[in-house]
Amino acid sequence: MHVFVDTDKVKGVQRLYWLQFEAILPSSPDLRMTYDSPRHATLGGMDFFIETGVTSTRSKHAPESDSAHFYALLAAKGYTVSDSLMSVRFVHLMDSGRKELMFIYAEPTPTGLTADDLKKGGKAYGKRADLEKGLIERGEKSIQFHLVGGCMRTREDCSI
């Protein structure tokens, strides 16, 4: 897990970028990661599933979850996060679904709106589609790939 943040003067997170690589261990040869999102983006010539979400950062997280580690990492470095975040997750599957490259771009919900407001049934749910569109666009622009030795896919694809 790698986390990068843009902050204000008092270390309040304005935008965050979470990069993560995962792989299923060889001891589980039949397992595959699956995503069913109908939304996709092509970034750096690779296909990514797109999933969006809103979350209350004050929610309880399972102690060993990625989210718990993520929030603990931010807190340990003295960063503060808004009570509600909007996020877009971009996932690229490799090796027949046994490996994934994941980017999450997140930012605080617009002023005056909470995660609950933007969830189905919330008072601002009707605004969510437009907010997601802008969020996805900002997320896509925040991801850049740089060629190393003429290759940008996986180490197995390249002679490095």
N, C-alpha and C. Protein backbone atom coordinates (compact mmCIF):
# COMPACT_ATOMS: atom_id res chain seq x y z
N MET A 1 0.85 -1.17 0.00
CA MET A 1 0.00 0.00 0.00
C MET A 1 0.90 1.24 0.00
N HIS A 2 0.63 2.13 -0.92
CA HIS A 2 1.33 3.39 -1.01
C HIS A 2 0.28 4.49 -1.02
N VAL A 3 0.45 5.49 -0.17
CA VAL A 3 -0.53 6.56 -0.06
C VAL A 3 0.18 7.91 -0.24
N PHE A 4 -0.42 8.74 -1.07
CA PHE A 4 0.09 10.09 -1.30
C PHE A 4 -1.06 11.05 -1.04
N VAL A 5 -0.75 12.21 -0.46
CA VAL A 5 -1.81 13.16 -0.13
C VAL A 5 -1.44 14.57 -0.56
N ASP A 6 -2.46 15.33 -0.93
CA ASP A 6 -2.36 16.78 -1.08
C ASP A 6 -3.09 17.33 0.13
N THR A 7 -2.45 18.26 0.83
CA THR A 7 -3.05 18.76 2.07
C THR A 7 -3.11 20.28 2.09
N ASP A 8 -3.87 20.76 3.06
CA ASP A 8 -3.86 22.20 3.34
C ASP A 8 -2.71 22.48 4.31
N LYS A 9 -2.64 23.70 4.82
CA LYS A 9 -1.52 24.12 5.68
C LYS A 9 -1.45 23.39 7.01
N VAL A 10 -2.58 22.82 7.45
CA VAL A 10 -2.60 22.14 8.75
C VAL A 10 -2.71 20.62 8.61
N LYS A 11 -2.26 20.10 7.46
CA LYS A 11 -2.23 18.66 7.18
C LYS A 11 -3.62 18.04 7.03
N GLY A 12 -4.60 18.86 6.67
CA GLY A 12 -5.92 18.33 6.35
C GLY A 12 -5.91 17.82 4.91
N VAL A 13 -6.28 16.58 4.73
CA VAL A 13 -6.22 15.96 3.40
C VAL A 13 -7.28 16.55 2.48
N GLN A 14 -6.83 17.08 1.34
CA GLN A 14 -7.72 17.63 0.32
C GLN A 14 -7.94 16.63 -0.82
N ARG A 15 -6.92 15.86 -1.13
CA ARG A 15 -7.00 14.80 -2.13
C ARG A 15 -6.05 13.70 -1.68
N LEU A 16 -6.45 12.47 -1.93
CA LEU A 16 -5.54 11.38 -1.62
C LEU A 16 -5.48 10.40 -2.77
N TYR A 17 -4.34 9.75 -2.83
CA TYR A 17 -4.04 8.81 -3.91
C TYR A 17 -3.49 7.55 -3.24
N TRP A 18 -4.19 6.45 -3.43
CA TRP A 18 -3.83 5.19 -2.79
C TRP A 18 -3.50 4.24 -3.92
N LEU A 19 -2.31 3.69 -3.88
CA LEU A 19 -1.84 2.74 -4.88
C LEU A 19 -1.57 1.43 -4.18
N GLN A 20 -2.08 0.35 -4.75
CA GLN A 20 -1.90 -0.94 -4.11
C GLN A 20 -1.77 -2.04 -5.16
N PHE A 21 -0.88 -2.97 -4.87
CA PHE A 21 -0.71 -4.16 -5.69
C PHE A 21 -1.11 -5.34 -4.83
N GLU A 22 -1.86 -6.26 -5.40
CA GLU A 22 -2.25 -7.46 -4.66
C GLU A 22 -2.08 -8.66 -5.57
N ALA A 23 -1.83 -9.80 -4.95
CA ALA A 23 -1.74 -11.06 -5.69
C ALA A 23 -2.25 -12.18 -4.79
N ILE A 24 -2.88 -13.14 -5.40
CA ILE A 24 -3.34 -14.32 -4.67
C ILE A 24 -2.15 -15.27 -4.54
N LEU A 25 -1.95 -15.79 -3.36
CA LEU A 25 -0.81 -16.66 -3.11
C LEU A 25 -0.91 -17.96 -3.92
N PRO A 26 0.22 -18.51 -4.32
CA PRO A 26 0.22 -19.77 -5.07
C PRO A 26 -0.46 -20.91 -4.32
N SER A 27 -0.53 -20.83 -2.99
CA SER A 27 -1.17 -21.88 -2.20
C SER A 27 -2.69 -21.94 -2.41
N SER A 28 -3.24 -20.96 -3.14
CA SER A 28 -4.67 -20.94 -3.47
C SER A 28 -4.84 -20.87 -4.99
N PRO A 29 -4.50 -21.96 -5.69
CA PRO A 29 -4.45 -21.91 -7.15
C PRO A 29 -5.80 -21.70 -7.84
N ASP A 30 -6.90 -21.96 -7.16
CA ASP A 30 -8.20 -21.83 -7.80
C ASP A 30 -8.87 -20.47 -7.58
N LEU A 31 -8.29 -19.62 -6.75
CA LEU A 31 -8.90 -18.33 -6.46
C LEU A 31 -8.58 -17.30 -7.54
N ARG A 32 -9.53 -16.42 -7.79
CA ARG A 32 -9.38 -15.31 -8.74
C ARG A 32 -10.06 -14.08 -8.14
N MET A 33 -9.53 -12.91 -8.45
CA MET A 33 -10.20 -11.67 -8.07
C MET A 33 -11.23 -11.37 -9.14
N THR A 34 -12.40 -10.95 -8.72
CA THR A 34 -13.45 -10.66 -9.69
C THR A 34 -14.05 -9.29 -9.44
N TYR A 35 -14.36 -8.61 -10.50
CA TYR A 35 -15.04 -7.32 -10.46
C TYR A 35 -16.13 -7.38 -11.52
N ASP A 36 -17.27 -6.78 -11.23
CA ASP A 36 -18.37 -6.84 -12.20
C ASP A 36 -18.86 -5.45 -12.59
N SER A 37 -18.10 -4.42 -12.29
CA SER A 37 -18.52 -3.07 -12.63
C SER A 37 -18.64 -2.93 -14.15
N PRO A 38 -19.75 -2.36 -14.62
CA PRO A 38 -19.89 -2.15 -16.06
C PRO A 38 -19.07 -0.95 -16.55
N ARG A 39 -18.58 -0.14 -15.62
CA ARG A 39 -17.81 1.04 -16.01
C ARG A 39 -16.33 0.68 -16.13
N HIS A 40 -15.72 1.15 -17.21
CA HIS A 40 -14.31 0.88 -17.48
C HIS A 40 -13.63 2.15 -17.98
N ALA A 41 -12.31 2.19 -17.83
CA ALA A 41 -11.49 3.26 -18.40
C ALA A 41 -10.23 2.62 -18.96
N THR A 42 -9.71 3.21 -20.01
CA THR A 42 -8.42 2.78 -20.54
C THR A 42 -7.40 3.80 -20.10
N LEU A 43 -6.45 3.35 -19.31
CA LEU A 43 -5.39 4.21 -18.79
C LEU A 43 -4.05 3.57 -19.13
N GLY A 44 -3.20 4.31 -19.79
CA GLY A 44 -1.90 3.76 -20.17
C GLY A 44 -2.03 2.53 -21.05
N GLY A 45 -3.11 2.46 -21.83
CA GLY A 45 -3.33 1.32 -22.71
C GLY A 45 -3.89 0.09 -22.00
N MET A 46 -4.19 0.20 -20.71
CA MET A 46 -4.71 -0.93 -19.95
C MET A 46 -6.16 -0.68 -19.54
N ASP A 47 -6.93 -1.75 -19.47
CA ASP A 47 -8.33 -1.67 -19.08
C ASP A 47 -8.45 -1.70 -17.55
N PHE A 48 -9.20 -0.74 -17.01
CA PHE A 48 -9.45 -0.67 -15.58
C PHE A 48 -10.95 -0.68 -15.31
N PHE A 49 -11.36 -1.48 -14.33
CA PHE A 49 -12.73 -1.40 -13.82
C PHE A 49 -12.81 -0.11 -13.01
N ILE A 50 -13.97 0.54 -13.02
CA ILE A 50 -14.18 1.75 -12.24
C ILE A 50 -15.32 1.50 -11.25
N GLU A 51 -15.05 1.77 -9.99
CA GLU A 51 -16.08 1.71 -8.95
C GLU A 51 -15.99 2.99 -8.12
N THR A 52 -17.12 3.56 -7.79
CA THR A 52 -17.15 4.77 -6.97
C THR A 52 -17.81 4.48 -5.63
N GLY A 53 -17.54 5.34 -4.68
CA GLY A 53 -18.17 5.15 -3.38
C GLY A 53 -18.10 6.40 -2.54
N VAL A 54 -18.90 6.42 -1.51
CA VAL A 54 -18.85 7.47 -0.49
C VAL A 54 -18.72 6.75 0.84
N THR A 55 -17.94 7.33 1.72
CA THR A 55 -17.73 6.66 3.00
C THR A 55 -17.58 7.67 4.12
N SER A 56 -18.05 7.26 5.27
CA SER A 56 -17.80 8.02 6.49
C SER A 56 -16.47 7.53 7.04
N THR A 57 -15.52 8.42 7.19
CA THR A 57 -14.20 8.01 7.66
C THR A 57 -14.21 7.65 9.14
N ARG A 58 -15.29 7.93 9.82
CA ARG A 58 -15.39 7.62 11.25
C ARG A 58 -16.01 6.24 11.48
N SER A 59 -16.35 5.53 10.41
CA SER A 59 -16.91 4.19 10.55
C SER A 59 -15.88 3.24 11.13
N LYS A 60 -16.35 2.21 11.80
CA LYS A 60 -15.47 1.17 12.33
C LYS A 60 -15.00 0.30 11.18
N HIS A 61 -13.72 -0.05 11.21
CA HIS A 61 -13.14 -0.93 10.19
C HIS A 61 -12.58 -2.16 10.88
N ALA A 62 -12.69 -3.29 10.23
CA ALA A 62 -12.09 -4.51 10.78
C ALA A 62 -10.61 -4.23 11.01
N PRO A 63 -10.07 -4.58 12.17
CA PRO A 63 -8.69 -4.21 12.53
C PRO A 63 -7.62 -4.61 11.50
N GLU A 64 -7.79 -5.69 10.80
CA GLU A 64 -6.78 -6.14 9.83
C GLU A 64 -7.12 -5.74 8.40
N SER A 65 -8.16 -4.93 8.21
CA SER A 65 -8.56 -4.56 6.85
C SER A 65 -7.62 -3.52 6.25
N ASP A 66 -7.64 -3.45 4.91
CA ASP A 66 -6.85 -2.44 4.21
C ASP A 66 -7.24 -1.04 4.68
N SER A 67 -8.54 -0.81 4.87
CA SER A 67 -9.01 0.51 5.30
C SER A 67 -8.46 0.88 6.67
N ALA A 68 -8.45 -0.06 7.60
CA ALA A 68 -7.92 0.22 8.94
C ALA A 68 -6.43 0.58 8.85
N HIS A 69 -5.68 -0.15 8.05
CA HIS A 69 -4.25 0.15 7.87
C HIS A 69 -4.08 1.53 7.22
N PHE A 70 -4.92 1.82 6.25
CA PHE A 70 -4.86 3.09 5.54
C PHE A 70 -5.07 4.27 6.49
N TYR A 71 -6.15 4.23 7.27
CA TYR A 71 -6.43 5.34 8.19
C TYR A 71 -5.39 5.43 9.30
N ALA A 72 -4.86 4.30 9.74
CA ALA A 72 -3.81 4.31 10.76
C ALA A 72 -2.53 4.95 10.21
N LEU A 73 -2.22 4.67 8.95
CA LEU A 73 -1.04 5.25 8.31
C LEU A 73 -1.17 6.77 8.25
N LEU A 74 -2.32 7.25 7.82
CA LEU A 74 -2.54 8.70 7.76
C LEU A 74 -2.43 9.34 9.15
N ALA A 75 -3.07 8.74 10.12
CA ALA A 75 -3.05 9.29 11.49
C ALA A 75 -1.64 9.29 12.06
N ALA A 76 -0.87 8.25 11.79
CA ALA A 76 0.50 8.16 12.31
C ALA A 76 1.38 9.28 11.76
N LYS A 77 1.06 9.78 10.59
CA LYS A 77 1.82 10.87 9.98
C LYS A 77 1.23 12.24 10.30
N GLY A 78 0.17 12.26 11.13
CA GLY A 78 -0.40 13.52 11.56
C GLY A 78 -1.40 14.14 10.60
N TYR A 79 -1.88 13.37 9.62
CA TYR A 79 -2.86 13.90 8.67
C TYR A 79 -4.26 13.74 9.21
N THR A 80 -5.12 14.68 8.90
CA THR A 80 -6.53 14.58 9.26
C THR A 80 -7.35 14.45 7.99
N VAL A 81 -8.42 13.69 8.09
CA VAL A 81 -9.27 13.41 6.94
C VAL A 81 -10.68 13.87 7.26
N SER A 82 -11.33 14.44 6.27
CA SER A 82 -12.73 14.86 6.40
C SER A 82 -13.58 13.70 6.90
N ASP A 83 -14.68 14.01 7.55
CA ASP A 83 -15.59 12.97 8.04
C ASP A 83 -16.20 12.14 6.92
N SER A 84 -16.30 12.70 5.71
CA SER A 84 -16.90 11.99 4.57
C SER A 84 -16.04 12.16 3.33
N LEU A 85 -15.82 11.06 2.64
CA LEU A 85 -15.03 11.07 1.41
C LEU A 85 -15.81 10.47 0.25
N MET A 86 -15.52 11.00 -0.94
CA MET A 86 -15.98 10.39 -2.19
C MET A 86 -14.73 9.78 -2.81
N SER A 87 -14.85 8.59 -3.37
CA SER A 87 -13.68 7.95 -3.96
C SER A 87 -14.04 7.25 -5.26
N VAL A 88 -13.01 7.10 -6.09
CA VAL A 88 -13.13 6.30 -7.30
C VAL A 88 -11.96 5.32 -7.29
N ARG A 89 -12.30 4.08 -7.53
CA ARG A 89 -11.29 3.01 -7.54
C ARG A 89 -11.14 2.50 -8.96
N PHE A 90 -9.89 2.44 -9.41
CA PHE A 90 -9.55 1.92 -10.73
C PHE A 90 -8.78 0.62 -10.51
N VAL A 91 -9.28 -0.49 -11.07
CA VAL A 91 -8.64 -1.80 -10.85
C VAL A 91 -8.32 -2.44 -12.19
N HIS A 92 -7.06 -2.81 -12.34
CA HIS A 92 -6.61 -3.54 -13.53
C HIS A 92 -6.22 -4.95 -13.08
N LEU A 93 -6.83 -5.97 -13.70
CA LEU A 93 -6.53 -7.36 -13.37
C LEU A 93 -5.48 -7.91 -14.31
N MET A 94 -4.57 -8.70 -13.74
CA MET A 94 -3.50 -9.35 -14.51
C MET A 94 -3.47 -10.82 -14.16
N ASP A 95 -2.74 -11.57 -14.95
CA ASP A 95 -2.51 -12.99 -14.67
C ASP A 95 -3.83 -13.72 -14.42
N SER A 96 -4.78 -13.53 -15.35
CA SER A 96 -6.10 -14.19 -15.28
C SER A 96 -6.82 -13.91 -13.96
N GLY A 97 -6.66 -12.71 -13.44
CA GLY A 97 -7.38 -12.33 -12.23
C GLY A 97 -6.69 -12.71 -10.94
N ARG A 98 -5.46 -13.16 -11.02
CA ARG A 98 -4.73 -13.53 -9.79
C ARG A 98 -3.92 -12.36 -9.23
N LYS A 99 -3.76 -11.31 -10.02
CA LYS A 99 -3.04 -10.12 -9.56
C LYS A 99 -3.86 -8.90 -9.94
N GLU A 100 -3.73 -7.85 -9.12
CA GLU A 100 -4.41 -6.61 -9.45
C GLU A 100 -3.53 -5.41 -9.13
N LEU A 101 -3.75 -4.39 -9.92
CA LEU A 101 -3.17 -3.07 -9.69
C LEU A 101 -4.35 -2.17 -9.40
N MET A 102 -4.33 -1.49 -8.26
CA MET A 102 -5.46 -0.67 -7.85
C MET A 102 -5.00 0.74 -7.51
N PHE A 103 -5.73 1.73 -8.04
CA PHE A 103 -5.55 3.12 -7.69
C PHE A 103 -6.86 3.61 -7.10
N ILE A 104 -6.78 4.32 -6.01
CA ILE A 104 -7.96 4.99 -5.46
C ILE A 104 -7.65 6.47 -5.39
N TYR A 105 -8.54 7.26 -5.95
CA TYR A 105 -8.46 8.71 -5.84
C TYR A 105 -9.65 9.12 -4.97
N ALA A 106 -9.40 9.93 -3.95
CA ALA A 106 -10.50 10.35 -3.07
C ALA A 106 -10.32 11.80 -2.67
N GLU A 107 -11.46 12.40 -2.34
CA GLU A 107 -11.47 13.78 -1.87
C GLU A 107 -12.69 13.94 -0.95
N PRO A 108 -12.66 14.98 -0.10
CA PRO A 108 -13.81 15.19 0.79
C PRO A 108 -15.09 15.41 -0.02
N THR A 109 -16.21 15.01 0.55
CA THR A 109 -17.49 15.30 -0.10
C THR A 109 -17.64 16.83 -0.15
N PRO A 110 -18.44 17.31 -1.10
CA PRO A 110 -18.63 18.77 -1.19
C PRO A 110 -19.12 19.34 0.15
N THR A 111 -18.73 20.56 0.41
CA THR A 111 -19.12 21.25 1.64
C THR A 111 -20.63 21.16 1.86
N GLY A 112 -20.99 20.78 3.05
CA GLY A 112 -22.41 20.68 3.41
C GLY A 112 -23.03 19.33 3.13
N LEU A 113 -22.27 18.41 2.51
CA LEU A 113 -22.81 17.08 2.21
C LEU A 113 -22.00 16.02 2.94
N THR A 114 -22.70 15.00 3.42
CA THR A 114 -22.04 13.88 4.08
C THR A 114 -22.17 12.64 3.20
N ALA A 115 -21.44 11.61 3.60
CA ALA A 115 -21.54 10.34 2.89
C ALA A 115 -22.99 9.85 2.92
N ASP A 116 -23.64 9.97 4.06
CA ASP A 116 -25.04 9.52 4.17
C ASP A 116 -25.96 10.30 3.24
N ASP A 117 -25.69 11.59 3.05
CA ASP A 117 -26.50 12.40 2.14
C ASP A 117 -26.43 11.87 0.72
N LEU A 118 -25.26 11.32 0.33
CA LEU A 118 -25.03 10.89 -1.05
C LEU A 118 -25.32 9.42 -1.29
N LYS A 119 -25.62 8.69 -0.24
CA LYS A 119 -25.97 7.27 -0.40
C LYS A 119 -27.42 7.15 -0.85
N LYS A 120 -27.77 6.01 -1.41
CA LYS A 120 -29.14 5.78 -1.87
C LYS A 120 -30.11 6.07 -0.73
N GLY A 121 -31.10 6.90 -1.02
CA GLY A 121 -32.07 7.31 0.00
C GLY A 121 -31.68 8.59 0.73
N GLY A 122 -30.45 9.06 0.52
CA GLY A 122 -29.98 10.27 1.18
C GLY A 122 -30.54 11.52 0.51
N LYS A 123 -30.51 12.63 1.23
CA LYS A 123 -31.13 13.86 0.74
C LYS A 123 -30.48 14.43 -0.52
N ALA A 124 -29.23 14.05 -0.82
CA ALA A 124 -28.54 14.58 -2.00
C ALA A 124 -28.19 13.47 -3.00
N TYR A 125 -28.85 12.32 -2.87
CA TYR A 125 -28.53 11.20 -3.77
C TYR A 125 -28.71 11.60 -5.24
N GLY A 126 -29.66 12.46 -5.54
CA GLY A 126 -29.90 12.91 -6.92
C GLY A 126 -28.72 13.66 -7.52
N LYS A 127 -27.83 14.18 -6.69
CA LYS A 127 -26.64 14.89 -7.17
C LYS A 127 -25.45 13.97 -7.39
N ARG A 128 -25.56 12.75 -6.94
CA ARG A 128 -24.40 11.86 -6.92
C ARG A 128 -23.84 11.57 -8.31
N ALA A 129 -24.68 11.32 -9.29
CA ALA A 129 -24.19 10.98 -10.64
C ALA A 129 -23.31 12.10 -11.20
N ASP A 130 -23.76 13.34 -11.06
CA ASP A 130 -22.95 14.47 -11.54
C ASP A 130 -21.65 14.61 -10.76
N LEU A 131 -21.71 14.41 -9.45
CA LEU A 131 -20.51 14.49 -8.63
C LEU A 131 -19.53 13.38 -8.99
N GLU A 132 -20.06 12.18 -9.24
CA GLU A 132 -19.20 11.05 -9.62
C GLU A 132 -18.51 11.31 -10.96
N LYS A 133 -19.22 11.92 -11.89
CA LYS A 133 -18.63 12.19 -13.20
C LYS A 133 -17.37 13.04 -13.05
N GLY A 134 -17.47 14.12 -12.30
CA GLY A 134 -16.31 14.99 -12.06
C GLY A 134 -15.21 14.27 -11.29
N LEU A 135 -15.60 13.47 -10.31
CA LEU A 135 -14.64 12.72 -9.51
C LEU A 135 -13.84 11.75 -10.39
N ILE A 136 -14.54 11.02 -11.25
CA ILE A 136 -13.87 10.07 -12.15
C ILE A 136 -12.91 10.81 -13.07
N GLU A 137 -13.34 11.94 -13.61
CA GLU A 137 -12.46 12.72 -14.51
C GLU A 137 -11.21 13.18 -13.77
N ARG A 138 -11.36 13.67 -12.54
CA ARG A 138 -10.19 14.11 -11.77
C ARG A 138 -9.30 12.93 -11.43
N GLY A 139 -9.92 11.80 -11.12
CA GLY A 139 -9.14 10.60 -10.83
C GLY A 139 -8.34 10.12 -12.02
N GLU A 140 -8.98 10.11 -13.20
CA GLU A 140 -8.28 9.68 -14.42
C GLU A 140 -7.11 10.61 -14.72
N LYS A 141 -7.30 11.90 -14.53
CA LYS A 141 -6.22 12.86 -14.81
C LYS A 141 -5.08 12.73 -13.81
N SER A 142 -5.37 12.21 -12.63
CA SER A 142 -4.33 12.11 -11.60
C SER A 142 -3.41 10.91 -11.80
N ILE A 143 -3.78 10.00 -12.70
CA ILE A 143 -2.99 8.79 -12.93
C ILE A 143 -2.18 8.96 -14.20
N GLN A 144 -0.89 8.80 -14.07
CA GLN A 144 -0.01 8.87 -15.23
C GLN A 144 0.91 7.67 -15.22
N PHE A 145 1.17 7.11 -16.37
CA PHE A 145 2.08 5.99 -16.50
C PHE A 145 3.33 6.48 -17.21
N HIS A 146 4.46 6.00 -16.76
CA HIS A 146 5.73 6.34 -17.38
C HIS A 146 6.41 5.07 -17.83
N LEU A 147 6.87 5.05 -19.04
CA LEU A 147 7.52 3.87 -19.58
C LEU A 147 8.88 3.65 -18.94
N VAL A 148 9.17 2.41 -18.62
CA VAL A 148 10.47 2.01 -18.11
C VAL A 148 11.00 0.97 -19.07
N GLY A 149 12.05 1.28 -19.76
CA GLY A 149 12.61 0.32 -20.70
C GLY A 149 11.65 -0.02 -21.83
N GLY A 150 10.74 0.90 -22.16
CA GLY A 150 9.81 0.67 -23.25
C GLY A 150 8.59 -0.17 -22.88
N CYS A 151 8.41 -0.49 -21.60
CA CYS A 151 7.29 -1.34 -21.20
C CYS A 151 6.58 -0.73 -20.00
N MET A 152 5.25 -0.85 -19.95
CA MET A 152 4.53 -0.34 -18.79
C MET A 152 3.49 -1.31 -18.27
N ARG A 153 3.58 -2.54 -18.63
CA ARG A 153 2.59 -3.49 -18.14
C ARG A 153 3.10 -4.18 -16.88
N THR A 154 3.39 -5.43 -16.93
CA THR A 154 3.89 -6.13 -15.74
C THR A 154 5.31 -6.56 -15.99
N ARG A 155 6.01 -6.86 -14.93
CA ARG A 155 7.42 -7.29 -15.05
C ARG A 155 7.52 -8.50 -15.98
N GLU A 156 6.54 -9.41 -15.93
CA GLU A 156 6.59 -10.59 -16.78
C GLU A 156 6.50 -10.23 -18.26
N ASP A 157 5.88 -9.09 -18.58
CA ASP A 157 5.74 -8.67 -19.96
C ASP A 157 7.00 -8.03 -20.50
N CYS A 158 7.93 -7.65 -19.62
CA CYS A 158 9.08 -6.84 -20.02
C CYS A 158 10.39 -7.59 -19.80
N SER A 159 11.34 -7.25 -20.59
CA SER A 159 12.70 -7.75 -20.37
C SER A 159 13.46 -6.64 -19.66
N ILE A 160 13.39 -6.65 -18.36
CA ILE A 160 14.02 -5.59 -17.57
C ILE A 160 15.27 -6.14 -16.92
